[in-house]
Amino acid sequence: MTQAESMVQRVALDVMGGDHAPEEVVLGGVQAARELGLGVILVGPEATIRDEMAKYDLSGLDLTIEHTEDYIRMDEHPAEAVRTRPNNTMSLCMRLIKDGKAGSMVTAGNSGAAVAAALLGLGRIKGIARPALGTALPTASGNPTLLLDIGATTDSKPSYLAQFALMGAAYMRGVFGVPNPRVGLLANGEEETKGDQLVQEAHKLIRAMADQKAINFFGNVEGRDIPAGQVDVIVCDGFVGNVALKLSEGLSKMLLGTIRNEIYSSPINQIGGLILKGAFNKVRAKLDYEEYGGAPLLGVKGVVIVGHGSSHAKAIKNAIRVAHQAASQGVPDRIAEGLAAAGSAAAAE
């Protein structure tokens, strides 16, 4: 294995990020090293990390520690914390990528701080105006749909949405193996004249990229199409995307909770529940965000995966898996290539 390949194999993990840090985060790192054969750099207070590592058999696992005592809490101002305390866990993860010691990083901490740390520590890909956070959502087709942006950029311009389309397509090709991802633009109707001025102008730009064969544009999609699986990527403004994401999460919890309550509401239902337990568990697994690992931060010069704040070890392990896949496939380079192919249609305003 070359030095470059070894670097890509290693994932920097923010041990102090998330509601269940450090216990579940360290366990996720251990599981990724054991089950996936990946190198994981555990970033955080060394004494705390060693206490957690002592709980497991680490024989033959590629696990190292990068010490820092500082980390950013969920209630802190993201940009200010990153600027004033450069030795926090997230910023140290970014430096490991920039210095070639890691190929990617994972955090389940403050998403705003992750964006700020990536912009300051890694910088944007040349030509990219704003980064975007994407999340893979389950669909009726059985294949996930990447929704972006979900909150990194809430003051979008048409050219930003066009760039989000390119970035999302590059990610789906690299991580999910979709050869020619179908891209949809979220609107209040399928006709190209639907939507506000932002959506209508973005539609024109994305259509122009499709005419240049830079992207496979499906056209406008509506909110009901998100779980249908008609497209592989759905593009929207960060404010809209965040609302759509939280609504999807809330509906999933409500539906699963309602089914569970009905099963236990009577003896007859409990018998039926036992019969259908296998099917119910499969449905629950499809709706489980932990299967998809985390949200990629696209548009920066490195691979950054931001996990859900309530991530347990399973989600952390899968986030590490996704981070490694994105680094191995050179997703940032693919985004740069897609931007060059699109030319003026995706130029930043």
Protein backbone atom coordinates (compact mmCIF):
# COMPACT_ATOMS: atom_id res chain seq x y z
CA MET A 1 0.00 0.00 0.00
CA THR A 2 1.38 3.40 -0.98
CA GLN A 3 1.59 6.30 1.47
CA ALA A 4 -1.29 8.05 -0.33
CA GLU A 5 -3.46 4.91 -0.10
CA SER A 6 -2.62 4.54 3.58
CA MET A 7 -3.68 8.13 4.20
CA VAL A 8 -7.04 7.60 2.48
CA GLN A 9 -7.64 4.52 4.64
CA ARG A 10 -7.40 6.55 7.85
CA VAL A 11 -10.38 8.48 9.17
CA ALA A 12 -10.11 11.21 11.82
CA LEU A 13 -12.90 10.86 14.38
CA ASP A 14 -14.09 13.66 16.67
CA VAL A 15 -14.49 11.68 19.87
CA MET A 16 -16.25 14.49 21.75
CA GLY A 17 -18.99 15.19 19.18
CA GLY A 18 -22.59 14.16 19.84
CA ASP A 19 -25.03 13.47 22.64
CA HIS A 20 -23.47 10.09 23.44
CA ALA A 21 -19.80 11.07 23.33
CA PRO A 22 -17.30 9.77 24.13
CA GLU A 23 -18.62 6.26 24.91
CA GLU A 24 -20.62 5.55 21.77
CA VAL A 25 -18.21 7.45 19.50
CA VAL A 26 -15.19 5.46 20.64
CA LEU A 27 -17.17 2.22 20.32
CA GLY A 28 -18.14 3.19 16.76
CA GLY A 29 -14.49 3.81 15.97
CA VAL A 30 -13.51 0.43 17.40
CA GLN A 31 -16.26 -1.30 15.37
CA ALA A 32 -15.13 0.44 12.17
CA ALA A 33 -11.54 -0.66 12.75
CA ARG A 34 -12.55 -4.24 13.57
CA GLU A 35 -15.37 -4.84 11.06
CA LEU A 36 -14.25 -2.65 8.17
CA GLY A 37 -10.49 -2.90 8.58
CA LEU A 38 -10.05 0.87 8.56
CA GLY A 39 -7.55 3.03 10.39
CA VAL A 40 -9.20 5.44 12.81
CA ILE A 41 -7.54 8.43 14.48
CA LEU A 42 -9.40 9.18 17.71
CA VAL A 43 -9.24 12.93 18.32
CA GLY A 44 -9.91 14.26 21.82
CA PRO A 45 -8.66 14.09 25.42
CA GLU A 46 -6.16 11.22 25.53
CA ALA A 47 -6.98 10.08 29.07
CA THR A 48 -10.70 9.95 28.28
CA ILE A 49 -10.10 8.04 25.06
CA ARG A 50 -7.81 5.51 26.75
CA ASP A 51 -10.40 4.88 29.46
CA GLU A 52 -12.93 3.99 26.78
CA MET A 53 -10.50 1.94 24.71
CA ALA A 54 -9.64 -0.14 27.78
CA LYS A 55 -13.13 -1.67 27.60
CA TYR A 56 -12.38 -3.50 24.34
CA ASP A 57 -9.99 -5.99 22.82
CA LEU A 58 -8.00 -3.89 20.37
CA SER A 59 -5.60 -6.57 19.16
CA GLY A 60 -4.56 -5.93 15.57
CA LEU A 61 -6.70 -2.81 15.18
CA ASP A 62 -5.38 0.37 13.58
CA LEU A 63 -6.38 2.89 16.24
CA THR A 64 -4.32 5.93 17.22
CA ILE A 65 -4.93 9.00 19.35
CA GLU A 66 -4.47 12.71 18.63
CA HIS A 67 -4.72 14.60 21.89
CA THR A 68 -6.60 17.81 22.50
CA GLU A 69 -8.61 18.82 25.55
CA ASP A 70 -10.81 21.36 23.79
CA TYR A 71 -14.07 20.64 21.96
CA ILE A 72 -17.05 22.68 20.84
CA ARG A 73 -20.33 22.23 22.69
CA MET A 74 -23.69 22.10 20.93
CA ASP A 75 -24.87 25.41 22.44
CA GLU A 76 -21.81 27.45 21.44
CA HIS A 77 -21.63 29.98 18.62
CA PRO A 78 -20.00 27.88 15.88
CA ALA A 79 -17.88 30.37 13.94
CA GLU A 80 -16.69 32.24 17.02
CA ALA A 81 -15.69 29.03 18.81
CA VAL A 82 -13.76 27.77 15.79
CA ARG A 83 -11.92 31.08 15.29
CA THR A 84 -10.99 31.67 18.91
CA ARG A 85 -10.11 28.08 19.89
CA PRO A 86 -8.18 26.50 17.01
CA ASN A 87 -7.21 23.40 19.00
CA ASN A 88 -10.75 22.07 19.25
CA THR A 89 -11.37 18.49 18.10
CA MET A 90 -13.03 19.44 14.81
CA SER A 91 -10.30 21.84 13.75
CA LEU A 92 -7.65 19.28 14.63
CA CYS A 93 -9.43 16.73 12.44
CA MET A 94 -9.32 19.21 9.55
CA ARG A 95 -5.58 19.74 10.07
CA LEU A 96 -5.00 15.99 9.96
CA ILE A 97 -6.66 15.95 6.52
CA LYS A 98 -4.75 18.99 5.31
CA ASP A 99 -1.43 17.58 6.56
CA GLY A 100 -2.05 14.27 4.80
CA LYS A 101 -2.39 12.20 7.97
CA ALA A 102 -6.05 11.35 7.32
CA GLY A 103 -8.18 11.08 4.20
CA SER A 104 -11.44 12.14 5.82
CA MET A 105 -13.09 13.04 9.11
CA VAL A 106 -16.30 12.30 11.02
CA THR A 107 -18.08 14.28 13.73
CA ALA A 108 -21.48 14.04 15.37
CA GLY A 109 -21.02 17.42 17.01
CA ASN A 110 -22.23 20.94 16.30
CA SER A 111 -22.93 20.98 12.53
CA GLY A 112 -22.43 24.73 12.27
CA ALA A 113 -19.03 24.37 13.87
CA ALA A 114 -18.17 21.54 11.49
CA VAL A 115 -18.95 23.80 8.53
CA ALA A 116 -16.94 26.67 10.00
CA ALA A 117 -13.98 24.43 10.84
CA ALA A 118 -13.97 22.92 7.35
CA LEU A 119 -14.11 26.31 5.62
CA LEU A 120 -11.33 27.69 7.81
CA GLY A 121 -9.17 24.56 7.90
CA LEU A 122 -9.68 23.12 4.40
CA GLY A 123 -11.18 25.91 2.31
CA ARG A 124 -13.65 25.66 -0.56
CA ILE A 125 -13.01 23.85 -3.81
CA LYS A 126 -12.02 26.42 -6.43
CA GLY A 127 -15.13 27.84 -8.05
CA ILE A 128 -17.55 26.61 -5.37
CA ALA A 129 -19.40 29.53 -3.83
CA ARG A 130 -21.01 27.82 -0.83
CA PRO A 131 -20.79 24.37 0.76
CA ALA A 132 -23.82 22.13 1.14
CA LEU A 133 -24.79 19.46 3.64
CA GLY A 134 -26.55 16.48 2.18
CA THR A 135 -28.37 13.58 3.77
CA ALA A 136 -29.36 10.21 2.33
CA LEU A 137 -33.06 9.51 2.83
CA PRO A 138 -34.81 6.13 2.44
CA THR A 139 -37.28 5.81 -0.43
CA ALA A 140 -39.97 3.46 -1.68
CA SER A 141 -37.65 2.38 -4.51
CA GLY A 142 -35.24 0.84 -2.01
CA ASN A 143 -32.44 3.22 -3.06
CA PRO A 144 -31.63 6.34 -1.05
CA THR A 145 -32.13 9.88 -2.30
CA LEU A 146 -29.57 12.55 -1.38
CA LEU A 147 -31.26 15.76 -0.21
CA LEU A 148 -29.14 18.91 -0.19
CA ASP A 149 -28.72 21.49 1.15
CA ILE A 150 -30.08 20.72 4.63
CA GLY A 151 -28.74 23.74 6.44
CA ALA A 152 -25.19 24.75 5.54
CA THR A 153 -26.36 27.60 3.26
CA THR A 154 -29.72 29.22 3.98
CA ASP A 155 -29.37 32.29 1.74
CA SER A 156 -28.98 30.55 -1.59
CA LYS A 157 -28.65 32.05 -5.06
CA PRO A 158 -29.56 30.22 -8.28
CA SER A 159 -25.92 29.42 -9.04
CA TYR A 160 -25.52 27.88 -5.59
CA LEU A 161 -28.35 25.44 -6.29
CA ALA A 162 -26.77 24.59 -9.65
CA GLN A 163 -23.51 23.80 -7.88
CA PHE A 164 -25.37 21.73 -5.26
CA ALA A 165 -26.75 19.66 -8.14
CA LEU A 166 -23.24 18.94 -9.43
CA MET A 167 -21.91 18.14 -5.97
CA GLY A 168 -24.78 15.83 -5.13
CA ALA A 169 -24.39 13.92 -8.38
CA ALA A 170 -20.64 13.49 -7.78
CA TYR A 171 -21.31 12.15 -4.29
CA MET A 172 -23.93 9.63 -5.43
CA ARG A 173 -21.58 8.35 -8.13
CA GLY A 174 -18.65 8.04 -5.75
CA VAL A 175 -20.28 6.69 -2.59
CA PHE A 176 -23.44 4.92 -3.74
CA GLY A 177 -22.18 3.79 -7.14
CA VAL A 178 -24.98 5.40 -9.15
CA PRO A 179 -23.47 5.74 -12.66
CA ASN A 180 -25.63 8.62 -13.92
CA PRO A 181 -27.55 10.11 -10.99
CA ARG A 182 -30.93 11.69 -11.75
CA VAL A 183 -31.14 15.16 -10.22
CA GLY A 184 -34.38 16.88 -9.25
CA LEU A 185 -35.05 20.45 -8.13
CA LEU A 186 -37.49 20.80 -5.23
CA ALA A 187 -40.44 23.02 -6.16
CA ASN A 188 -44.17 23.41 -5.61
CA GLY A 189 -45.00 21.81 -8.95
CA GLU A 190 -43.44 19.74 -11.70
CA GLU A 191 -43.69 22.41 -14.40
CA GLU A 192 -40.52 24.40 -14.99
CA THR A 193 -42.44 27.64 -14.41
CA LYS A 194 -43.29 26.60 -10.83
CA GLY A 195 -41.47 27.86 -7.77
CA ASP A 196 -40.26 31.23 -6.61
CA GLN A 197 -37.68 33.29 -8.50
CA LEU A 198 -34.80 31.37 -6.91
CA VAL A 199 -36.15 28.01 -8.07
CA GLN A 200 -37.07 29.23 -11.55
CA GLU A 201 -33.64 30.74 -12.16
CA ALA A 202 -31.92 27.67 -10.75
CA HIS A 203 -34.00 25.49 -13.06
CA LYS A 204 -32.65 27.40 -16.07
CA LEU A 205 -29.04 26.98 -14.93
CA ILE A 206 -29.39 23.26 -14.19
CA ARG A 207 -31.15 22.74 -17.52
CA ALA A 208 -28.24 24.47 -19.25
CA MET A 209 -25.81 22.09 -17.52
CA ALA A 210 -27.94 19.17 -18.68
CA ASP A 211 -27.77 20.47 -22.24
CA GLN A 212 -23.97 20.37 -21.92
CA LYS A 213 -24.20 16.75 -20.69
CA ALA A 214 -22.69 17.83 -17.36
CA ILE A 215 -25.64 16.51 -15.38
CA ASN A 216 -28.70 14.25 -15.71
CA PHE A 217 -31.53 16.66 -14.87
CA PHE A 218 -34.93 15.08 -14.17
CA GLY A 219 -36.67 18.43 -13.67
CA ASN A 220 -38.76 19.76 -10.82
CA VAL A 221 -39.95 17.44 -8.07
CA GLU A 222 -42.43 18.06 -5.27
CA GLY A 223 -42.25 17.29 -1.57
CA ARG A 224 -44.21 14.06 -2.02
CA ASP A 225 -41.54 12.87 -4.46
CA ILE A 226 -38.80 12.90 -1.81
CA PRO A 227 -39.74 9.46 -0.38
CA ALA A 228 -40.82 8.09 -3.79
CA GLY A 229 -37.29 7.52 -5.10
CA GLN A 230 -37.87 8.98 -8.55
CA VAL A 231 -34.53 10.74 -8.44
CA ASP A 232 -31.14 10.16 -6.81
CA VAL A 233 -30.47 13.79 -5.80
CA ILE A 234 -32.90 16.50 -4.72
CA VAL A 235 -31.62 20.08 -4.61
CA CYS A 236 -33.06 22.90 -2.52
CA ASP A 237 -32.19 25.90 -0.39
CA GLY A 238 -30.75 25.05 3.04
CA PHE A 239 -33.73 26.44 4.94
CA VAL A 240 -36.21 24.43 2.88
CA GLY A 241 -34.05 21.31 3.07
CA ASN A 242 -33.74 21.48 6.84
CA VAL A 243 -37.52 21.76 7.23
CA ALA A 244 -38.02 18.82 4.84
CA LEU A 245 -35.47 16.72 6.73
CA LYS A 246 -36.95 17.40 10.17
CA LEU A 247 -40.45 16.69 8.83
CA SER A 248 -39.25 13.36 7.39
CA GLU A 249 -37.60 12.41 10.70
CA GLY A 250 -40.70 13.36 12.65
CA LEU A 251 -43.02 11.39 10.36
CA SER A 252 -40.81 8.30 10.57
CA LYS A 253 -40.84 8.40 14.38
CA MET A 254 -44.59 9.02 14.46
CA LEU A 255 -45.37 6.14 12.08
CA LEU A 256 -43.13 3.66 13.88
CA GLY A 257 -44.47 4.76 17.25
CA THR A 258 -48.09 4.50 16.10
CA ILE A 259 -47.54 0.99 14.72
CA ARG A 260 -45.82 -0.06 17.96
CA ASN A 261 -48.64 1.34 20.10
CA GLU A 262 -51.29 -0.41 18.00
CA ILE A 263 -49.46 -3.72 18.27
CA TYR A 264 -49.55 -3.55 22.08
CA SER A 265 -53.09 -2.19 22.28
CA SER A 266 -54.76 -5.62 22.48
CA PRO A 267 -53.89 -9.31 22.84
CA ILE A 268 -55.04 -10.04 19.29
CA ASN A 269 -52.83 -7.26 17.89
CA GLN A 270 -49.90 -8.60 19.89
CA ILE A 271 -50.30 -12.00 18.24
CA GLY A 272 -50.43 -10.32 14.84
CA GLY A 273 -47.39 -8.27 15.82
CA LEU A 274 -45.41 -11.41 16.56
CA ILE A 275 -46.31 -12.82 13.16
CA LEU A 276 -45.28 -9.59 11.42
CA LYS A 277 -42.25 -8.87 13.61
CA GLY A 278 -39.76 -9.67 10.86
CA ALA A 279 -41.46 -7.37 8.36
CA PHE A 280 -41.77 -4.61 10.95
CA ASN A 281 -38.06 -4.83 11.77
CA LYS A 282 -37.19 -4.56 8.06
CA VAL A 283 -39.30 -1.42 7.74
CA ARG A 284 -37.70 0.07 10.83
CA ALA A 285 -34.23 -0.68 9.44
CA LYS A 286 -35.07 1.10 6.17
CA LEU A 287 -36.14 4.20 8.10
CA ASP A 288 -33.13 4.11 10.43
CA TYR A 289 -30.82 7.08 9.79
CA GLU A 290 -27.98 5.18 11.47
CA GLU A 291 -27.76 2.90 8.42
CA TYR A 292 -26.60 5.85 6.27
CA GLY A 293 -23.99 7.15 8.70
CA GLY A 294 -24.04 10.89 8.29
CA ALA A 295 -24.36 13.96 6.11
CA PRO A 296 -21.53 14.81 3.71
CA LEU A 297 -20.34 18.41 3.69
CA LEU A 298 -19.76 18.98 -0.02
CA GLY A 299 -17.78 21.79 -1.61
CA VAL A 300 -14.75 21.83 0.69
CA LYS A 301 -11.28 20.52 -0.13
CA GLY A 302 -11.61 17.34 1.87
CA VAL A 303 -14.13 14.72 2.95
CA VAL A 304 -16.19 15.75 5.99
CA ILE A 305 -19.10 13.66 7.30
CA VAL A 306 -21.41 15.16 9.93
CA GLY A 307 -23.38 12.60 11.91
CA HIS A 308 -26.69 13.07 13.70
CA GLY A 309 -26.27 14.54 17.17
CA SER A 310 -27.93 11.49 18.72
CA SER A 311 -25.70 9.01 16.89
CA HIS A 312 -24.88 5.75 18.60
CA ALA A 313 -21.99 3.45 17.75
CA LYS A 314 -23.73 1.96 14.70
CA ALA A 315 -24.18 5.39 13.11
CA ILE A 316 -20.58 6.36 13.89
CA LYS A 317 -19.28 3.13 12.31
CA ASN A 318 -21.34 3.73 9.18
CA ALA A 319 -20.27 7.37 9.03
CA ILE A 320 -16.65 6.21 9.07
CA ARG A 321 -17.45 3.75 6.29
CA VAL A 322 -19.05 6.49 4.18
CA ALA A 323 -16.15 8.86 4.85
CA HIS A 324 -13.65 6.27 3.69
CA GLN A 325 -15.67 5.54 0.54
CA ALA A 326 -15.91 9.24 -0.34
CA ALA A 327 -12.16 9.70 0.17
CA SER A 328 -11.32 6.57 -1.81
CA GLN A 329 -13.43 7.77 -4.72
CA GLY A 330 -11.93 11.26 -4.62
CA VAL A 331 -15.30 12.99 -4.30
CA PRO A 332 -13.80 16.52 -3.94
CA ASP A 333 -11.85 15.97 -7.18
CA ARG A 334 -14.98 14.71 -8.92
CA ILE A 335 -16.82 17.84 -7.83
CA ALA A 336 -14.06 20.02 -9.25
CA GLU A 337 -14.17 18.08 -12.53
CA GLY A 338 -17.95 18.42 -12.72
CA LEU A 339 -17.70 22.15 -12.11
CA ALA A 340 -15.19 22.52 -14.92
CA ALA A 341 -17.40 20.52 -17.29
CA ALA A 342 -20.45 22.66 -16.50
CA GLY A 343 -18.57 25.86 -17.27
CA SER A 344 -20.44 29.16 -17.08
CA ALA A 345 -23.80 27.56 -16.17
CA ALA A 346 -22.47 26.77 -12.69
CA ALA A 347 -20.23 29.80 -12.24
CA ALA A 348 -20.55 31.48 -8.85
CA GLU A 349 -22.33 34.83 -8.76
